[in-house]
N, C-alpha and C. Protein backbone atom coordinates (compact mmCIF):
# COMPACT_ATOMS: atom_id res chain seq x y z
N MET A 1 148.37 17.46 7.66
CA MET A 1 147.34 17.99 8.54
C MET A 1 147.32 19.51 8.42
N SER A 2 146.16 20.09 8.09
CA SER A 2 146.08 21.53 7.93
C SER A 2 146.08 22.25 9.27
N THR A 3 145.46 21.66 10.30
CA THR A 3 145.48 22.23 11.64
C THR A 3 146.74 21.77 12.35
N PRO A 4 147.53 22.72 12.92
CA PRO A 4 148.74 22.30 13.64
C PRO A 4 148.42 21.29 14.73
N THR A 5 148.90 20.06 14.56
CA THR A 5 148.51 18.94 15.41
C THR A 5 149.73 18.34 16.10
N PHE A 6 149.59 18.11 17.41
CA PHE A 6 150.63 17.46 18.19
C PHE A 6 150.06 16.23 18.86
N SER A 7 150.79 15.13 18.77
CA SER A 7 150.49 13.94 19.57
C SER A 7 151.33 14.01 20.84
N ILE A 8 150.67 13.91 21.98
CA ILE A 8 151.35 13.91 23.28
C ILE A 8 151.37 12.48 23.78
N LEU A 9 152.55 11.91 23.91
CA LEU A 9 152.68 10.52 24.34
C LEU A 9 152.73 10.47 25.86
N LEU A 10 151.67 9.90 26.45
CA LEU A 10 151.53 9.83 27.90
C LEU A 10 151.80 8.42 28.40
N GLY A 11 151.83 8.27 29.71
CA GLY A 11 152.29 7.02 30.30
C GLY A 11 151.31 5.88 30.34
N GLY A 12 150.03 6.13 30.03
CA GLY A 12 149.05 5.05 30.06
C GLY A 12 149.25 4.03 28.96
N ASN A 13 148.65 2.88 29.11
CA ASN A 13 148.79 1.80 28.13
C ASN A 13 148.04 2.11 26.84
N ILE A 14 148.53 1.58 25.74
CA ILE A 14 147.84 1.72 24.46
C ILE A 14 147.76 0.37 23.77
N THR A 15 146.85 0.28 22.82
CA THR A 15 146.79 -0.82 21.87
C THR A 15 146.97 -0.21 20.49
N VAL A 16 147.95 -0.66 19.75
CA VAL A 16 148.22 -0.09 18.44
C VAL A 16 147.16 -0.60 17.47
N THR A 17 146.34 0.32 16.97
CA THR A 17 145.26 -0.01 16.05
C THR A 17 145.41 0.83 14.78
N ASP A 18 144.68 0.44 13.75
CA ASP A 18 144.70 1.23 12.52
C ASP A 18 144.21 2.64 12.75
N ARG A 19 143.19 2.81 13.58
CA ARG A 19 142.66 4.15 13.86
C ARG A 19 143.69 4.99 14.58
N LEU A 20 144.41 4.41 15.52
CA LEU A 20 145.42 5.17 16.27
C LEU A 20 146.57 5.56 15.35
N ARG A 21 147.03 4.64 14.52
CA ARG A 21 148.10 4.97 13.57
C ARG A 21 147.66 6.10 12.63
N ALA A 22 146.43 6.02 12.16
CA ALA A 22 145.95 7.00 11.19
C ALA A 22 145.84 8.39 11.80
N VAL A 23 145.34 8.47 13.03
CA VAL A 23 145.09 9.79 13.63
C VAL A 23 146.40 10.47 14.04
N THR A 24 147.43 9.70 14.35
CA THR A 24 148.70 10.31 14.77
C THR A 24 149.66 10.52 13.61
N SER A 25 149.41 9.88 12.48
CA SER A 25 150.31 10.00 11.33
C SER A 25 150.41 11.45 10.86
N GLY A 26 151.63 11.92 10.70
CA GLY A 26 151.86 13.27 10.21
C GLY A 26 151.85 14.34 11.28
N SER A 27 151.57 13.97 12.53
CA SER A 27 151.55 14.96 13.61
C SER A 27 152.96 15.18 14.15
N ARG A 28 153.15 16.33 14.79
CA ARG A 28 154.37 16.54 15.57
C ARG A 28 154.18 15.83 16.91
N VAL A 29 155.29 15.49 17.57
CA VAL A 29 155.19 14.61 18.73
C VAL A 29 156.04 15.13 19.89
N ILE A 30 155.44 15.15 21.06
CA ILE A 30 156.16 15.42 22.31
C ILE A 30 155.84 14.28 23.27
N ALA A 31 156.87 13.73 23.90
CA ALA A 31 156.70 12.62 24.83
C ALA A 31 156.81 13.10 26.26
N ALA A 32 155.96 12.54 27.12
CA ALA A 32 156.00 12.82 28.55
C ALA A 32 156.51 11.58 29.27
N ASP A 33 157.75 11.67 29.78
CA ASP A 33 158.37 10.60 30.56
C ASP A 33 158.22 9.25 29.87
N SER A 34 157.65 8.24 30.54
CA SER A 34 157.62 6.89 29.97
C SER A 34 156.72 6.77 28.76
N GLY A 35 155.95 7.81 28.44
CA GLY A 35 155.12 7.79 27.25
C GLY A 35 155.92 7.63 25.97
N ILE A 36 157.20 7.89 26.02
CA ILE A 36 158.02 7.76 24.82
C ILE A 36 158.08 6.31 24.33
N ARG A 37 157.73 5.37 25.18
CA ARG A 37 157.75 3.96 24.75
C ARG A 37 156.73 3.69 23.65
N HIS A 38 155.75 4.60 23.46
CA HIS A 38 154.75 4.43 22.41
C HIS A 38 155.25 4.90 21.05
N ALA A 39 156.37 5.60 21.02
CA ALA A 39 156.83 6.20 19.76
C ALA A 39 157.16 5.13 18.72
N GLN A 40 157.97 4.17 19.07
CA GLN A 40 158.42 3.17 18.11
C GLN A 40 157.26 2.32 17.58
N PRO A 41 156.35 1.80 18.42
CA PRO A 41 155.24 1.01 17.89
C PRO A 41 154.33 1.79 16.94
N LEU A 42 154.26 3.10 17.12
CA LEU A 42 153.40 3.92 16.27
C LEU A 42 154.15 4.55 15.10
N GLY A 43 155.46 4.30 15.03
CA GLY A 43 156.25 4.87 13.95
C GLY A 43 156.39 6.38 14.05
N LEU A 44 156.48 6.89 15.29
CA LEU A 44 156.56 8.33 15.53
C LEU A 44 157.94 8.71 16.04
N THR A 45 158.34 9.93 15.74
CA THR A 45 159.63 10.46 16.21
C THR A 45 159.39 11.72 17.02
N PRO A 46 159.56 11.67 18.34
CA PRO A 46 159.34 12.87 19.15
C PRO A 46 160.39 13.94 18.86
N GLU A 47 159.95 15.18 18.91
CA GLU A 47 160.89 16.30 18.79
C GLU A 47 161.34 16.79 20.16
N LEU A 48 160.65 16.33 21.22
CA LEU A 48 160.98 16.75 22.58
C LEU A 48 160.50 15.68 23.56
N TRP A 49 161.30 15.48 24.61
CA TRP A 49 160.97 14.51 25.65
C TRP A 49 161.08 15.23 26.98
N VAL A 50 159.97 15.33 27.72
CA VAL A 50 159.96 16.09 28.97
C VAL A 50 159.54 15.21 30.13
N GLY A 51 159.88 15.66 31.33
CA GLY A 51 159.43 14.97 32.53
C GLY A 51 160.49 14.91 33.60
N ASP A 52 160.13 14.27 34.72
CA ASP A 52 161.11 14.05 35.78
C ASP A 52 161.83 12.72 35.59
N PHE A 53 161.36 11.91 34.64
CA PHE A 53 161.99 10.65 34.23
C PHE A 53 162.08 9.63 35.36
N ASP A 54 161.13 9.75 36.30
CA ASP A 54 161.12 8.76 37.38
C ASP A 54 160.50 7.44 36.95
N SER A 55 159.81 7.42 35.81
CA SER A 55 159.22 6.17 35.32
C SER A 55 159.86 5.69 34.03
N SER A 56 161.02 6.25 33.70
CA SER A 56 161.77 5.81 32.51
C SER A 56 163.06 5.14 32.97
N ASP A 57 163.20 3.85 32.66
CA ASP A 57 164.40 3.14 33.10
C ASP A 57 165.58 3.45 32.17
N ASP A 58 166.74 2.93 32.52
CA ASP A 58 167.96 3.24 31.77
C ASP A 58 167.87 2.76 30.32
N ALA A 59 167.23 1.61 30.10
CA ALA A 59 167.12 1.08 28.74
C ALA A 59 166.28 2.00 27.88
N LEU A 60 165.20 2.53 28.44
CA LEU A 60 164.34 3.44 27.69
C LEU A 60 165.07 4.74 27.38
N LYS A 61 165.80 5.23 28.35
CA LYS A 61 166.57 6.47 28.13
C LYS A 61 167.63 6.27 27.05
N ALA A 62 168.25 5.09 27.04
CA ALA A 62 169.30 4.83 26.05
C ALA A 62 168.75 4.64 24.65
N ALA A 63 167.46 4.33 24.53
CA ALA A 63 166.87 4.04 23.22
C ALA A 63 166.62 5.29 22.39
N TYR A 64 166.63 6.45 23.03
CA TYR A 64 166.32 7.70 22.31
C TYR A 64 167.38 8.77 22.60
N PRO A 65 168.62 8.49 22.23
CA PRO A 65 169.70 9.43 22.57
C PRO A 65 169.64 10.74 21.77
N LYS A 66 168.97 10.76 20.63
CA LYS A 66 168.97 11.95 19.78
C LYS A 66 167.76 12.86 20.01
N VAL A 67 166.82 12.44 20.86
CA VAL A 67 165.65 13.27 21.13
C VAL A 67 166.00 14.30 22.19
N GLU A 68 165.70 15.57 21.90
CA GLU A 68 165.94 16.62 22.89
C GLU A 68 165.21 16.28 24.18
N ARG A 69 165.94 16.38 25.30
CA ARG A 69 165.38 16.02 26.59
C ARG A 69 165.37 17.21 27.53
N ARG A 70 164.23 17.44 28.18
CA ARG A 70 164.11 18.54 29.12
C ARG A 70 163.64 17.97 30.45
N ALA A 71 164.53 17.99 31.45
CA ALA A 71 164.25 17.36 32.74
C ALA A 71 163.67 18.36 33.74
N TYR A 72 162.77 17.85 34.57
CA TYR A 72 162.14 18.64 35.62
C TYR A 72 162.28 17.89 36.94
N PRO A 73 162.26 18.58 38.07
CA PRO A 73 162.36 17.90 39.36
C PRO A 73 161.12 17.06 39.65
N VAL A 74 161.29 16.02 40.45
CA VAL A 74 160.15 15.19 40.83
C VAL A 74 159.12 16.01 41.59
N SER A 75 159.60 16.89 42.48
CA SER A 75 158.69 17.77 43.22
C SER A 75 158.40 19.01 42.38
N LYS A 76 157.26 18.98 41.69
CA LYS A 76 156.89 20.08 40.81
C LYS A 76 155.38 20.28 40.87
N ALA A 77 154.91 21.38 40.33
CA ALA A 77 153.50 21.75 40.48
C ALA A 77 152.63 21.32 39.30
N ALA A 78 153.16 20.48 38.43
CA ALA A 78 152.40 20.02 37.27
C ALA A 78 152.83 18.61 36.92
N THR A 79 151.95 17.85 36.29
CA THR A 79 152.31 16.51 35.83
C THR A 79 153.19 16.62 34.58
N ASP A 80 153.87 15.53 34.26
CA ASP A 80 154.68 15.51 33.04
C ASP A 80 153.79 15.73 31.81
N GLY A 81 152.58 15.17 31.85
CA GLY A 81 151.67 15.36 30.72
C GLY A 81 151.27 16.81 30.53
N GLU A 82 151.00 17.50 31.63
CA GLU A 82 150.63 18.91 31.54
C GLU A 82 151.78 19.74 30.99
N ILE A 83 152.99 19.40 31.39
CA ILE A 83 154.17 20.09 30.87
C ILE A 83 154.30 19.86 29.37
N ALA A 84 154.09 18.62 28.93
CA ALA A 84 154.18 18.30 27.50
C ALA A 84 153.13 19.06 26.70
N ILE A 85 151.92 19.14 27.22
CA ILE A 85 150.85 19.87 26.54
C ILE A 85 151.20 21.35 26.43
N ALA A 86 151.72 21.92 27.51
CA ALA A 86 152.11 23.33 27.48
C ALA A 86 153.21 23.58 26.45
N GLU A 87 154.15 22.64 26.34
CA GLU A 87 155.20 22.78 25.33
C GLU A 87 154.61 22.75 23.92
N ALA A 88 153.65 21.86 23.70
CA ALA A 88 153.02 21.77 22.37
C ALA A 88 152.29 23.07 22.03
N ILE A 89 151.58 23.62 22.99
CA ILE A 89 150.86 24.87 22.76
C ILE A 89 151.83 26.01 22.47
N SER A 90 152.95 26.03 23.18
CA SER A 90 153.95 27.08 22.94
C SER A 90 154.56 26.97 21.54
N ARG A 91 154.47 25.78 20.93
CA ARG A 91 155.00 25.55 19.59
C ARG A 91 153.92 25.65 18.50
N GLY A 92 152.76 26.13 18.89
CA GLY A 92 151.72 26.41 17.90
C GLY A 92 150.62 25.40 17.77
N ALA A 93 150.52 24.43 18.69
CA ALA A 93 149.48 23.40 18.59
C ALA A 93 148.09 24.02 18.66
N GLU A 94 147.20 23.56 17.78
CA GLU A 94 145.78 23.91 17.85
C GLU A 94 144.94 22.65 18.05
N ARG A 95 145.52 21.51 17.74
CA ARG A 95 144.85 20.22 17.94
C ARG A 95 145.79 19.32 18.71
N LEU A 96 145.27 18.65 19.74
CA LEU A 96 146.08 17.81 20.62
C LEU A 96 145.50 16.41 20.68
N ILE A 97 146.36 15.41 20.43
CA ILE A 97 145.97 14.01 20.54
C ILE A 97 146.72 13.44 21.74
N LEU A 98 145.99 13.12 22.79
CA LEU A 98 146.61 12.64 24.02
C LEU A 98 146.64 11.12 24.00
N VAL A 99 147.78 10.58 23.59
CA VAL A 99 147.95 9.14 23.38
C VAL A 99 148.34 8.50 24.72
N GLY A 100 147.59 7.48 25.13
CA GLY A 100 147.85 6.84 26.41
C GLY A 100 147.16 7.56 27.56
N ALA A 101 146.15 8.37 27.25
CA ALA A 101 145.45 9.14 28.27
C ALA A 101 144.37 8.35 28.99
N LEU A 102 143.98 7.19 28.44
CA LEU A 102 142.80 6.49 28.95
C LEU A 102 143.10 5.18 29.65
N GLY A 103 144.35 4.81 29.76
CA GLY A 103 144.66 3.53 30.38
C GLY A 103 145.84 3.63 31.33
N GLY A 104 146.10 2.55 32.02
CA GLY A 104 147.23 2.50 32.94
C GLY A 104 146.79 2.25 34.37
N GLU A 105 147.76 2.28 35.27
CA GLU A 105 147.50 1.94 36.67
C GLU A 105 146.97 3.11 37.48
N ARG A 106 147.14 4.35 36.98
CA ARG A 106 146.81 5.53 37.77
C ARG A 106 145.48 6.14 37.35
N SER A 107 144.41 5.79 38.05
CA SER A 107 143.10 6.35 37.71
C SER A 107 143.04 7.84 37.98
N ASP A 108 143.86 8.34 38.93
CA ASP A 108 143.87 9.78 39.17
C ASP A 108 144.40 10.53 37.96
N HIS A 109 145.40 9.95 37.27
CA HIS A 109 145.93 10.58 36.07
C HIS A 109 144.89 10.56 34.95
N VAL A 110 144.15 9.46 34.82
CA VAL A 110 143.13 9.38 33.77
C VAL A 110 142.06 10.44 34.00
N LEU A 111 141.60 10.57 35.24
CA LEU A 111 140.60 11.59 35.54
C LEU A 111 141.14 12.99 35.28
N GLN A 112 142.40 13.21 35.61
CA GLN A 112 143.00 14.52 35.33
C GLN A 112 143.06 14.78 33.84
N HIS A 113 143.32 13.76 33.04
CA HIS A 113 143.33 13.93 31.59
C HIS A 113 141.95 14.35 31.09
N TYR A 114 140.89 13.77 31.65
CA TYR A 114 139.53 14.20 31.29
C TYR A 114 139.34 15.69 31.58
N LEU A 115 139.73 16.09 32.79
CA LEU A 115 139.54 17.48 33.19
C LEU A 115 140.39 18.43 32.35
N SER A 116 141.61 18.02 32.06
CA SER A 116 142.49 18.84 31.22
C SER A 116 141.90 19.00 29.83
N ALA A 117 141.33 17.93 29.29
CA ALA A 117 140.74 17.99 27.96
C ALA A 117 139.57 18.96 27.92
N LEU A 118 138.74 18.94 28.95
CA LEU A 118 137.62 19.88 29.01
C LEU A 118 138.10 21.31 29.11
N SER A 119 139.12 21.54 29.93
CA SER A 119 139.68 22.88 30.06
C SER A 119 140.27 23.37 28.74
N LEU A 120 140.97 22.50 28.04
CA LEU A 120 141.54 22.87 26.75
C LEU A 120 140.45 23.16 25.72
N ALA A 121 139.39 22.38 25.75
CA ALA A 121 138.29 22.61 24.82
C ALA A 121 137.64 23.96 25.06
N GLU A 122 137.54 24.37 26.32
CA GLU A 122 136.99 25.68 26.65
C GLU A 122 137.86 26.79 26.09
N ASP A 123 139.14 26.51 25.91
CA ASP A 123 140.06 27.48 25.32
C ASP A 123 140.19 27.31 23.81
N ASN A 124 139.24 26.56 23.23
CA ASN A 124 139.11 26.41 21.77
C ASN A 124 140.17 25.53 21.13
N PHE A 125 140.79 24.64 21.89
CA PHE A 125 141.66 23.64 21.31
C PHE A 125 140.84 22.40 20.95
N GLU A 126 141.20 21.77 19.83
CA GLU A 126 140.61 20.48 19.50
C GLU A 126 141.39 19.41 20.26
N VAL A 127 140.68 18.52 20.93
CA VAL A 127 141.35 17.54 21.78
C VAL A 127 140.75 16.15 21.56
N MET A 128 141.63 15.18 21.46
CA MET A 128 141.24 13.78 21.42
C MET A 128 142.09 13.02 22.43
N LEU A 129 141.47 12.15 23.22
CA LEU A 129 142.18 11.25 24.11
C LEU A 129 142.02 9.85 23.56
N THR A 130 143.08 9.06 23.57
CA THR A 130 142.97 7.74 22.98
C THR A 130 143.91 6.73 23.64
N SER A 131 143.43 5.49 23.67
CA SER A 131 144.27 4.36 24.06
C SER A 131 144.42 3.39 22.89
N GLY A 132 143.84 3.75 21.75
CA GLY A 132 143.78 2.83 20.63
C GLY A 132 142.46 2.08 20.61
N GLU A 133 142.09 1.49 21.73
CA GLU A 133 140.82 0.78 21.83
C GLU A 133 139.67 1.72 22.19
N GLU A 134 139.98 2.79 22.92
CA GLU A 134 138.98 3.77 23.31
C GLU A 134 139.40 5.16 22.83
N GLU A 135 138.40 6.01 22.55
CA GLU A 135 138.64 7.39 22.14
C GLU A 135 137.69 8.28 22.91
N ALA A 136 138.15 9.45 23.33
CA ALA A 136 137.30 10.38 24.06
C ALA A 136 137.49 11.79 23.53
N PHE A 137 136.39 12.55 23.55
CA PHE A 137 136.38 13.91 23.02
C PHE A 137 135.57 14.80 23.96
N PRO A 138 136.10 15.95 24.36
CA PRO A 138 135.35 16.84 25.24
C PRO A 138 134.28 17.62 24.49
N LEU A 139 133.19 17.89 25.20
CA LEU A 139 132.08 18.69 24.68
C LEU A 139 131.75 19.77 25.70
N CYS A 140 131.65 21.02 25.24
CA CYS A 140 131.34 22.14 26.11
C CYS A 140 130.18 22.94 25.55
N ASP A 141 129.83 24.04 26.20
CA ASP A 141 128.71 24.88 25.79
C ASP A 141 128.71 25.13 24.29
N ASP A 142 127.54 24.94 23.67
CA ASP A 142 127.37 25.19 22.23
C ASP A 142 128.38 24.40 21.39
N GLY A 143 128.73 23.21 21.87
CA GLY A 143 129.70 22.38 21.15
C GLY A 143 129.03 21.20 20.47
N GLY A 144 129.79 20.56 19.62
CA GLY A 144 129.28 19.39 18.95
C GLY A 144 130.33 18.77 18.06
N MET A 145 130.06 17.56 17.60
CA MET A 145 131.01 16.88 16.73
C MET A 145 130.33 15.72 16.03
N GLU A 146 130.95 15.29 14.95
CA GLU A 146 130.59 14.04 14.29
C GLU A 146 131.76 13.08 14.45
N LEU A 147 131.45 11.81 14.63
CA LEU A 147 132.49 10.80 14.80
C LEU A 147 132.13 9.58 13.96
N ASP A 148 133.06 9.18 13.10
CA ASP A 148 132.87 8.04 12.23
C ASP A 148 133.17 6.76 13.00
N LEU A 149 132.13 6.03 13.32
CA LEU A 149 132.26 4.78 14.05
C LEU A 149 131.68 3.63 13.23
N PRO A 150 132.23 2.44 13.37
CA PRO A 150 131.62 1.28 12.70
C PRO A 150 130.22 1.03 13.25
N LYS A 151 129.33 0.57 12.41
CA LYS A 151 127.98 0.23 12.87
C LYS A 151 128.07 -0.81 13.97
N GLY A 152 127.41 -0.56 15.07
CA GLY A 152 127.42 -1.49 16.20
C GLY A 152 128.42 -1.15 17.28
N ALA A 153 129.26 -0.13 17.06
CA ALA A 153 130.27 0.24 18.06
C ALA A 153 129.62 0.93 19.25
N LEU A 154 130.14 0.67 20.44
CA LEU A 154 129.63 1.27 21.66
C LEU A 154 130.17 2.68 21.85
N PHE A 155 129.32 3.56 22.39
CA PHE A 155 129.80 4.88 22.82
C PHE A 155 128.91 5.37 23.96
N SER A 156 129.44 6.29 24.75
CA SER A 156 128.72 6.89 25.86
C SER A 156 128.98 8.38 25.89
N VAL A 157 128.05 9.11 26.47
CA VAL A 157 128.25 10.53 26.77
C VAL A 157 128.28 10.67 28.29
N LEU A 158 129.42 11.10 28.82
CA LEU A 158 129.61 11.22 30.26
C LEU A 158 129.43 12.67 30.66
N GLY A 159 128.41 12.96 31.46
CA GLY A 159 128.17 14.34 31.88
C GLY A 159 128.99 14.69 33.12
N PHE A 160 129.83 15.69 33.01
CA PHE A 160 130.59 16.19 34.16
C PHE A 160 129.82 17.29 34.88
N THR A 161 128.71 17.73 34.28
CA THR A 161 127.75 18.63 34.88
C THR A 161 126.37 18.17 34.39
N ALA A 162 125.33 18.83 34.83
CA ALA A 162 124.04 18.66 34.18
C ALA A 162 124.16 19.17 32.74
N LEU A 163 123.46 18.52 31.81
CA LEU A 163 123.56 18.88 30.41
C LEU A 163 122.21 19.37 29.90
N GLU A 164 122.25 20.36 29.03
CA GLU A 164 121.04 20.89 28.41
C GLU A 164 121.20 20.89 26.89
N GLY A 165 120.10 20.61 26.21
CA GLY A 165 120.12 20.63 24.75
C GLY A 165 120.99 19.55 24.14
N LEU A 166 121.05 18.38 24.77
CA LEU A 166 121.86 17.28 24.25
C LEU A 166 121.10 16.57 23.13
N THR A 167 121.72 16.50 21.97
CA THR A 167 121.13 15.83 20.82
C THR A 167 122.11 14.78 20.30
N ILE A 168 121.64 13.56 20.13
CA ILE A 168 122.44 12.45 19.61
C ILE A 168 121.72 11.89 18.39
N ARG A 169 122.42 11.85 17.27
CA ARG A 169 121.82 11.38 16.02
C ARG A 169 122.56 10.15 15.50
N ASN A 170 121.85 9.35 14.73
CA ASN A 170 122.36 8.14 14.07
C ASN A 170 122.88 7.12 15.08
N ALA A 171 122.11 6.94 16.13
CA ALA A 171 122.44 5.97 17.18
C ALA A 171 121.18 5.15 17.49
N ARG A 172 121.38 4.02 18.12
CA ARG A 172 120.25 3.17 18.48
C ARG A 172 119.30 3.91 19.42
N TYR A 173 119.88 4.73 20.31
CA TYR A 173 119.07 5.48 21.26
C TYR A 173 119.29 6.97 21.03
N PRO A 174 118.61 7.55 20.05
CA PRO A 174 118.80 8.96 19.75
C PRO A 174 118.14 9.84 20.82
N LEU A 175 118.64 11.07 20.90
CA LEU A 175 118.05 12.07 21.79
C LEU A 175 117.94 13.38 21.02
N LYS A 176 116.95 14.18 21.41
CA LYS A 176 116.81 15.50 20.78
C LYS A 176 116.53 16.53 21.86
N ASN A 177 117.44 17.50 21.94
CA ASN A 177 117.29 18.62 22.87
C ASN A 177 116.99 18.12 24.28
N PHE A 178 117.77 17.14 24.73
CA PHE A 178 117.51 16.44 25.99
C PHE A 178 118.22 17.13 27.15
N LYS A 179 117.55 17.13 28.30
CA LYS A 179 118.16 17.64 29.53
C LYS A 179 118.57 16.45 30.38
N LEU A 180 119.88 16.32 30.61
CA LEU A 180 120.42 15.20 31.38
C LEU A 180 120.80 15.68 32.76
N THR A 181 120.23 15.09 33.78
CA THR A 181 120.57 15.48 35.15
C THR A 181 121.97 14.99 35.50
N PHE A 182 122.64 15.73 36.36
CA PHE A 182 124.00 15.35 36.76
C PHE A 182 123.97 14.00 37.48
N GLY A 183 124.86 13.10 37.04
CA GLY A 183 124.95 11.77 37.66
C GLY A 183 124.08 10.72 37.01
N SER A 184 123.27 11.10 36.02
CA SER A 184 122.40 10.13 35.36
C SER A 184 123.21 9.20 34.45
N SER A 185 122.78 7.94 34.37
CA SER A 185 123.44 6.97 33.49
C SER A 185 122.68 6.80 32.17
N ARG A 186 121.74 7.70 31.89
CA ARG A 186 120.88 7.57 30.70
C ARG A 186 121.70 7.47 29.41
N THR A 187 122.84 8.13 29.34
CA THR A 187 123.60 8.20 28.09
C THR A 187 124.81 7.27 28.06
N ILE A 188 124.78 6.24 28.88
CA ILE A 188 125.85 5.24 28.89
C ILE A 188 125.46 4.08 27.97
N SER A 189 126.44 3.54 27.23
CA SER A 189 126.27 2.34 26.40
C SER A 189 125.23 2.51 25.30
N ASN A 190 125.43 3.54 24.49
CA ASN A 190 124.65 3.69 23.27
C ASN A 190 125.36 2.91 22.16
N VAL A 191 124.70 2.76 21.01
CA VAL A 191 125.26 1.98 19.91
C VAL A 191 125.19 2.80 18.63
N ALA A 192 126.33 2.94 17.96
CA ALA A 192 126.40 3.73 16.74
C ALA A 192 125.78 2.99 15.56
N GLU A 193 125.14 3.76 14.68
CA GLU A 193 124.64 3.22 13.42
C GLU A 193 125.56 3.61 12.26
N GLY A 194 126.72 4.16 12.58
CA GLY A 194 127.67 4.68 11.60
C GLY A 194 128.21 5.99 12.12
N VAL A 195 128.27 7.01 11.27
CA VAL A 195 128.74 8.32 11.71
C VAL A 195 127.71 8.92 12.66
N ILE A 196 128.11 9.15 13.92
CA ILE A 196 127.19 9.73 14.89
C ILE A 196 127.42 11.23 14.99
N SER A 197 126.40 11.94 15.42
CA SER A 197 126.48 13.38 15.65
C SER A 197 126.01 13.66 17.06
N VAL A 198 126.80 14.42 17.81
CA VAL A 198 126.44 14.80 19.18
C VAL A 198 126.60 16.31 19.31
N THR A 199 125.55 16.99 19.76
CA THR A 199 125.62 18.43 20.00
C THR A 199 125.10 18.72 21.41
N LEU A 200 125.56 19.83 21.94
CA LEU A 200 125.26 20.18 23.32
C LEU A 200 125.08 21.69 23.42
N SER A 201 124.01 22.12 24.08
CA SER A 201 123.78 23.56 24.27
C SER A 201 124.51 24.10 25.49
N LYS A 202 124.45 23.35 26.59
CA LYS A 202 125.05 23.84 27.83
C LYS A 202 125.52 22.69 28.68
N GLY A 203 126.73 22.83 29.22
CA GLY A 203 127.27 21.83 30.13
C GLY A 203 128.67 21.39 29.74
N ARG A 204 129.17 20.40 30.45
CA ARG A 204 130.50 19.84 30.21
C ARG A 204 130.36 18.32 30.14
N ALA A 205 130.87 17.73 29.07
CA ALA A 205 130.72 16.28 28.89
C ALA A 205 131.88 15.73 28.09
N LEU A 206 132.00 14.41 28.11
CA LEU A 206 132.95 13.70 27.26
C LEU A 206 132.20 12.64 26.46
N LEU A 207 132.49 12.60 25.18
CA LEU A 207 132.02 11.51 24.33
C LEU A 207 133.10 10.43 24.36
N LEU A 208 132.77 9.27 24.89
CA LEU A 208 133.73 8.17 25.00
C LEU A 208 133.26 7.04 24.09
N ALA A 209 134.10 6.67 23.12
CA ALA A 209 133.74 5.67 22.12
C ALA A 209 134.67 4.47 22.17
N ARG A 210 134.12 3.31 21.81
CA ARG A 210 134.89 2.07 21.72
C ARG A 210 134.70 1.52 20.31
N PRO A 211 135.49 2.00 19.35
CA PRO A 211 135.26 1.66 17.94
C PRO A 211 135.33 0.17 17.62
N TYR A 212 136.10 -0.59 18.40
CA TYR A 212 136.28 -2.00 18.10
C TYR A 212 135.38 -2.91 18.94
N ASP A 213 134.54 -2.30 19.76
CA ASP A 213 133.68 -3.06 20.68
C ASP A 213 132.28 -3.17 20.07
N ARG A 214 131.90 -4.37 19.64
CA ARG A 214 130.59 -4.60 19.05
C ARG A 214 129.67 -5.35 20.01
N SER A 215 129.97 -5.31 21.30
CA SER A 215 129.17 -6.09 22.26
C SER A 215 127.75 -5.61 22.36
N GLY A 216 127.49 -4.38 21.90
CA GLY A 216 126.12 -3.87 21.95
C GLY A 216 125.36 -4.12 20.66
N ALA A 217 126.03 -4.70 19.65
CA ALA A 217 125.38 -4.87 18.34
C ALA A 217 124.26 -5.91 18.38
């Protein structure tokens, strides 16, 4: 990987897929608390394990005796994931893959991951959130991206503000220079025709894709 890339292993659930293995392969890895359980299924070796370890049982702790461990108190002003991201940035990360950011029992954590991704994107970091089955990418002012999706795969653009100049190409429901009002569902459940392109002039949004979901085909 030419761009310094870190995979951050978070506590949410994942499904090990070919896309997830491919995107994390060759990256440096930092685990946040119980997120380290994703390391072995993905064939990854963390260089650092951080957190208060309140969700890591004794068996999990014993499984990684050689990984550097940095413990924090349970009562702290940041989540374990935020601490792991900060550690990655301090080590030169320019691209962050947040593994396990989209699933699990804690919807408050998932929403925080969305907000963190948008904040990081505003600071010019490349960010991807993934559970294996779903992938999400932040979009900010004058931003855009292309995403290689199988034909028929579902994707949505979630507006966290009103959006201006939204353009979606190579999709069943294309848009050009569209103004999306805040709270509108207009951009939910689109269908990819292959590699899609999404650009945005103004606003904050997330592109959420389901590469393996052909229910809209």
